[in-house]
Structure formats: C-alpha cells, structure tokens
Amino acid sequence: MKISCVVVAYNSSATIMKCLDSVFSQSYSDKEVFVVDNGSSDGIADIARPGIRK
C-alpha cells in the first residue's frame, strides 16, 4: 500500500527542508510526497524542489 503525504506550505522556506527530511526519514518506503505552495513569496518552491527529488 502506498502512503501519500501532502505538505501545504505558505512562506515556510525556513522550515520546509526540516519537514521534508522528517517525511523521507520514515521507515516506510512506498510513499509519495506532494508539496503545495499556497502562493508563497519567499521562494519555497526553489528550496523544496531538491528535497523532493531525493
């Protein structure tokens, strides 16, 4: 069974990598992660993109 994780973010560039690291450090391997940028103005998409491509 696949687990889906949806992270909704708004101007959280300071903490998004900590959040993604936590999700990817879980032992369950069959997972997908979606980050929804809710109109941020702090460049969160550019920061989160490398974290998602692990």
PDB file of N, CA and C in Angstrom:
ATOM      1  N   MET A   1       0.837  -1.166   0.000  1.00  0.00           N
ATOM      2  CA  MET A   1       0.000   0.000   0.000  1.00  0.00           C
ATOM      3  C   MET A   1       0.893   1.243   0.000  1.00  0.00           C
ATOM      4  N   LYS A   2       0.570   2.205  -0.852  1.00  0.00           N
ATOM      5  CA  LYS A   2       1.325   3.450  -0.930  1.00  0.00           C
ATOM      6  C   LYS A   2       0.723   4.486   0.017  1.00  0.00           C
ATOM      7  N   ILE A   3       1.612   5.209   0.677  1.00  0.00           N
ATOM      8  CA  ILE A   3       1.221   6.300   1.559  1.00  0.00           C
ATOM      9  C   ILE A   3       1.463   7.613   0.820  1.00  0.00           C
ATOM     10  N   SER A   4       0.485   8.501   0.856  1.00  0.00           N
ATOM     11  CA  SER A   4       0.634   9.827   0.260  1.00  0.00           C
ATOM     12  C   SER A   4       0.709  10.860   1.374  1.00  0.00           C
ATOM     13  N   CYS A   5       1.664  11.753   1.250  1.00  0.00           N
ATOM     14  CA  CYS A   5       1.833  12.831   2.223  1.00  0.00           C
ATOM     15  C   CYS A   5       1.686  14.154   1.479  1.00  0.00           C
ATOM     16  N   VAL A   6       0.781  14.980   1.935  1.00  0.00           N
ATOM     17  CA  VAL A   6       0.576  16.296   1.336  1.00  0.00           C
ATOM     18  C   VAL A   6       1.039  17.350   2.335  1.00  0.00           C
ATOM     19  N   VAL A   7       1.990  18.156   1.909  1.00  0.00           N
ATOM     20  CA  VAL A   7       2.513  19.236   2.744  1.00  0.00           C
ATOM     21  C   VAL A   7       2.032  20.546   2.134  1.00  0.00           C
ATOM     22  N   VAL A   8       1.216  21.264   2.860  1.00  0.00           N
ATOM     23  CA  VAL A   8       0.733  22.566   2.403  1.00  0.00           C
ATOM     24  C   VAL A   8       1.611  23.629   3.048  1.00  0.00           C
ATOM     25  N   ALA A   9       2.193  24.480   2.213  1.00  0.00           N
ATOM     26  CA  ALA A   9       3.168  25.440   2.721  1.00  0.00           C
ATOM     27  C   ALA A   9       2.840  26.857   2.280  1.00  0.00           C
ATOM     28  N   TYR A  10       3.076  27.787   3.173  1.00  0.00           N
ATOM     29  CA  TYR A  10       2.938  29.206   2.854  1.00  0.00           C
ATOM     30  C   TYR A  10       4.049  29.968   3.568  1.00  0.00           C
ATOM     31  N   ASN A  11       4.964  30.502   2.791  1.00  0.00           N
ATOM     32  CA  ASN A  11       6.098  31.264   3.330  1.00  0.00           C
ATOM     33  C   ASN A  11       6.805  30.514   4.460  1.00  0.00           C
ATOM     34  N   SER A  12       7.098  29.261   4.209  1.00  0.00           N
ATOM     35  CA  SER A  12       7.769  28.448   5.233  1.00  0.00           C
ATOM     36  C   SER A  12       9.129  27.959   4.746  1.00  0.00           C
ATOM     37  N   SER A  13       9.832  28.808   4.017  1.00  0.00           N
ATOM     38  CA  SER A  13      11.131  28.408   3.483  1.00  0.00           C
ATOM     39  C   SER A  13      12.129  28.061   4.587  1.00  0.00           C
ATOM     40  N   ALA A  14      11.955  28.626   5.761  1.00  0.00           N
ATOM     41  CA  ALA A  14      12.877  28.360   6.868  1.00  0.00           C
ATOM     42  C   ALA A  14      12.711  26.954   7.438  1.00  0.00           C
ATOM     43  N   THR A  15      11.554  26.332   7.230  1.00  0.00           N
ATOM     44  CA  THR A  15      11.297  25.032   7.855  1.00  0.00           C
ATOM     45  C   THR A  15      10.933  23.913   6.885  1.00  0.00           C
ATOM     46  N   ILE A  16      10.788  24.199   5.602  1.00  0.00           N
ATOM     47  CA  ILE A  16      10.313  23.178   4.669  1.00  0.00           C
ATOM     48  C   ILE A  16      11.282  21.998   4.559  1.00  0.00           C
ATOM     49  N   MET A  17      12.583  22.239   4.559  1.00  0.00           N
ATOM     50  CA  MET A  17      13.530  21.131   4.437  1.00  0.00           C
ATOM     51  C   MET A  17      13.495  20.243   5.679  1.00  0.00           C
ATOM     52  N   LYS A  18      13.309  20.815   6.846  1.00  0.00           N
ATOM     53  CA  LYS A  18      13.180  20.015   8.065  1.00  0.00           C
ATOM     54  C   LYS A  18      11.952  19.118   7.961  1.00  0.00           C
ATOM     55  N   CYS A  19      10.874  19.661   7.439  1.00  0.00           N
ATOM     56  CA  CYS A  19       9.649  18.888   7.250  1.00  0.00           C
ATOM     57  C   CYS A  19       9.881  17.743   6.263  1.00  0.00           C
ATOM     58  N   LEU A  20      10.478  18.043   5.109  1.00  0.00           N
ATOM     59  CA  LEU A  20      10.714  17.007   4.097  1.00  0.00           C
ATOM     60  C   LEU A  20      11.700  15.957   4.592  1.00  0.00           C
ATOM     61  N   ASP A  21      12.736  16.378   5.293  1.00  0.00           N
ATOM     62  CA  ASP A  21      13.682  15.414   5.868  1.00  0.00           C
ATOM     63  C   ASP A  21      12.967  14.461   6.812  1.00  0.00           C
ATOM     64  N   SER A  22      12.041  14.980   7.594  1.00  0.00           N
ATOM     65  CA  SER A  22      11.281  14.144   8.515  1.00  0.00           C
ATOM     66  C   SER A  22      10.426  13.129   7.767  1.00  0.00           C
ATOM     67  N   VAL A  23       9.763  13.579   6.718  1.00  0.00           N
ATOM     68  CA  VAL A  23       8.922  12.666   5.928  1.00  0.00           C
ATOM     69  C   VAL A  23       9.771  11.572   5.297  1.00  0.00           C
ATOM     70  N   PHE A  24      10.885  11.953   4.678  1.00  0.00           N
ATOM     71  CA  PHE A  24      11.709  10.972   3.976  1.00  0.00           C
ATOM     72  C   PHE A  24      12.512  10.080   4.915  1.00  0.00           C
ATOM     73  N   SER A  25      12.642  10.442   6.173  1.00  0.00           N
ATOM     74  CA  SER A  25      13.385   9.597   7.110  1.00  0.00           C
ATOM     75  C   SER A  25      12.524   8.481   7.706  1.00  0.00           C
ATOM     76  N   GLN A  26      11.244   8.492   7.415  1.00  0.00           N
ATOM     77  CA  GLN A  26      10.363   7.441   7.920  1.00  0.00           C
ATOM     78  C   GLN A  26      10.737   6.101   7.285  1.00  0.00           C
ATOM     79  N   SER A  27      10.547   5.029   7.998  1.00  0.00           N
ATOM     80  CA  SER A  27      10.982   3.716   7.526  1.00  0.00           C
ATOM     81  C   SER A  27      10.099   3.141   6.426  1.00  0.00           C
ATOM     82  N   TYR A  28       8.892   3.604   6.299  1.00  0.00           N
ATOM     83  CA  TYR A  28       8.001   3.094   5.258  1.00  0.00           C
ATOM     84  C   TYR A  28       8.490   3.612   3.914  1.00  0.00           C
ATOM     85  N   SER A  29       8.774   2.708   2.978  1.00  0.00           N
ATOM     86  CA  SER A  29       9.423   3.123   1.734  1.00  0.00           C
ATOM     87  C   SER A  29       8.474   3.437   0.584  1.00  0.00           C
ATOM     88  N   ASP A  30       7.266   2.903   0.597  1.00  0.00           N
ATOM     89  CA  ASP A  30       6.350   3.115  -0.527  1.00  0.00           C
ATOM     90  C   ASP A  30       5.498   4.353  -0.260  1.00  0.00           C
ATOM     91  N   LYS A  31       6.084   5.517  -0.571  1.00  0.00           N
ATOM     92  CA  LYS A  31       5.380   6.762  -0.276  1.00  0.00           C
ATOM     93  C   LYS A  31       5.570   7.758  -1.410  1.00  0.00           C
ATOM     94  N   GLU A  32       4.647   8.684  -1.467  1.00  0.00           N
ATOM     95  CA  GLU A  32       4.755   9.803  -2.389  1.00  0.00           C
ATOM     96  C   GLU A  32       4.485  11.069  -1.596  1.00  0.00           C
ATOM     97  N   VAL A  33       5.154  12.141  -2.000  1.00  0.00           N
ATOM     98  CA  VAL A  33       5.049  13.396  -1.263  1.00  0.00           C
ATOM     99  C   VAL A  33       4.675  14.511  -2.233  1.00  0.00           C
ATOM    100  N   PHE A  34       3.684  15.277  -1.851  1.00  0.00           N
ATOM    101  CA  PHE A  34       3.254  16.436  -2.621  1.00  0.00           C
ATOM    102  C   PHE A  34       3.433  17.670  -1.753  1.00  0.00           C
ATOM    103  N   VAL A  35       4.086  18.672  -2.300  1.00  0.00           N
ATOM    104  CA  VAL A  35       4.201  19.950  -1.602  1.00  0.00           C
ATOM    105  C   VAL A  35       3.348  20.952  -2.363  1.00  0.00           C
ATOM    106  N   VAL A  36       2.398  21.542  -1.673  1.00  0.00           N
ATOM    107  CA  VAL A  36       1.508  22.535  -2.267  1.00  0.00           C
ATOM    108  C   VAL A  36       1.952  23.908  -1.776  1.00  0.00           C
ATOM    109  N   ASP A  37       2.424  24.725  -2.703  1.00  0.00           N
ATOM    110  CA  ASP A  37       2.829  26.093  -2.374  1.00  0.00           C
ATOM    111  C   ASP A  37       1.603  26.980  -2.518  1.00  0.00           C
ATOM    112  N   ASN A  38       1.152  27.512  -1.422  1.00  0.00           N
ATOM    113  CA  ASN A  38      -0.083  28.289  -1.385  1.00  0.00           C
ATOM    114  C   ASN A  38       0.171  29.783  -1.630  1.00  0.00           C
ATOM    115  N   GLY A  39       0.912  30.086  -2.705  1.00  0.00           N
ATOM    116  CA  GLY A  39       1.150  31.483  -3.065  1.00  0.00           C
ATOM    117  C   GLY A  39       2.242  32.166  -2.271  1.00  0.00           C
ATOM    118  N   SER A  40       3.239  31.416  -1.864  1.00  0.00           N
ATOM    119  CA  SER A  40       4.329  31.982  -1.064  1.00  0.00           C
ATOM    120  C   SER A  40       5.112  33.028  -1.845  1.00  0.00           C
ATOM    121  N   SER A  41       5.739  33.916  -1.105  1.00  0.00           N
ATOM    122  CA  SER A  41       6.591  34.938  -1.714  1.00  0.00           C
ATOM    123  C   SER A  41       8.041  34.806  -1.257  1.00  0.00           C
ATOM    124  N   ASP A  42       8.371  33.669  -0.636  1.00  0.00           N
ATOM    125  CA  ASP A  42       9.719  33.501  -0.094  1.00  0.00           C
ATOM    126  C   ASP A  42      10.561  32.471  -0.840  1.00  0.00           C
ATOM    127  N   GLY A  43      10.163  32.088  -2.048  1.00  0.00           N
ATOM    128  CA  GLY A  43      10.964  31.173  -2.856  1.00  0.00           C
ATOM    129  C   GLY A  43      10.940  29.734  -2.388  1.00  0.00           C
ATOM    130  N   ILE A  44       9.886  29.341  -1.725  1.00  0.00           N
ATOM    131  CA  ILE A  44       9.818  27.996  -1.165  1.00  0.00           C
ATOM    132  C   ILE A  44       9.908  26.902  -2.233  1.00  0.00           C
ATOM    133  N   ALA A  45       9.363  27.150  -3.407  1.00  0.00           N
ATOM    134  CA  ALA A  45       9.404  26.131  -4.466  1.00  0.00           C
ATOM    135  C   ALA A  45      10.847  25.806  -4.841  1.00  0.00           C
ATOM    136  N   ASP A  46      11.686  26.806  -4.974  1.00  0.00           N
ATOM    137  CA  ASP A  46      13.091  26.585  -5.317  1.00  0.00           C
ATOM    138  C   ASP A  46      13.841  25.879  -4.192  1.00  0.00           C
ATOM    139  N   ILE A  47      13.443  26.109  -2.975  1.00  0.00           N
ATOM    140  CA  ILE A  47      14.087  25.468  -1.829  1.00  0.00           C
ATOM    141  C   ILE A  47      13.625  24.022  -1.685  1.00  0.00           C
ATOM    142  N   ALA A  48      12.341  23.772  -1.865  1.00  0.00           N
ATOM    143  CA  ALA A  48      11.782  22.437  -1.651  1.00  0.00           C
ATOM    144  C   ALA A  48      12.090  21.470  -2.787  1.00  0.00           C
ATOM    145  N   ARG A  49      12.214  21.963  -4.005  1.00  0.00           N
ATOM    146  CA  ARG A  49      12.392  21.087  -5.172  1.00  0.00           C
ATOM    147  C   ARG A  49      13.529  20.076  -4.995  1.00  0.00           C
ATOM    148  N   PRO A  50      14.734  20.479  -4.594  1.00  0.00           N
ATOM    149  CA  PRO A  50      15.803  19.484  -4.416  1.00  0.00           C
ATOM    150  C   PRO A  50      15.485  18.466  -3.316  1.00  0.00           C
ATOM    151  N   GLY A  51      14.765  18.885  -2.293  1.00  0.00           N
ATOM    152  CA  GLY A  51      14.404  17.975  -1.209  1.00  0.00           C
ATOM    153  C   GLY A  51      13.439  16.899  -1.645  1.00  0.00           C
ATOM    154  N   ILE A  52      12.614  17.203  -2.612  1.00  0.00           N
ATOM    155  CA  ILE A  52      11.636  16.239  -3.102  1.00  0.00           C
ATOM    156  C   ILE A  52      12.277  15.240  -4.047  1.00  0.00           C
ATOM    157  N   ARG A  53      13.297  15.624  -4.740  1.00  0.00           N
ATOM    158  CA  ARG A  53      13.926  14.757  -5.741  1.00  0.00           C
ATOM    159  C   ARG A  53      14.934  13.787  -5.144  1.00  0.00           C
ATOM    160  N   LYS A  54      14.834  13.515  -3.883  1.00  0.00           N
ATOM    161  CA  LYS A  54      15.757  12.578  -3.221  1.00  0.00           C
ATOM    162  C   LYS A  54      15.597  11.195  -3.783  1.00  0.00           C
TER     163      LYS A  54
END
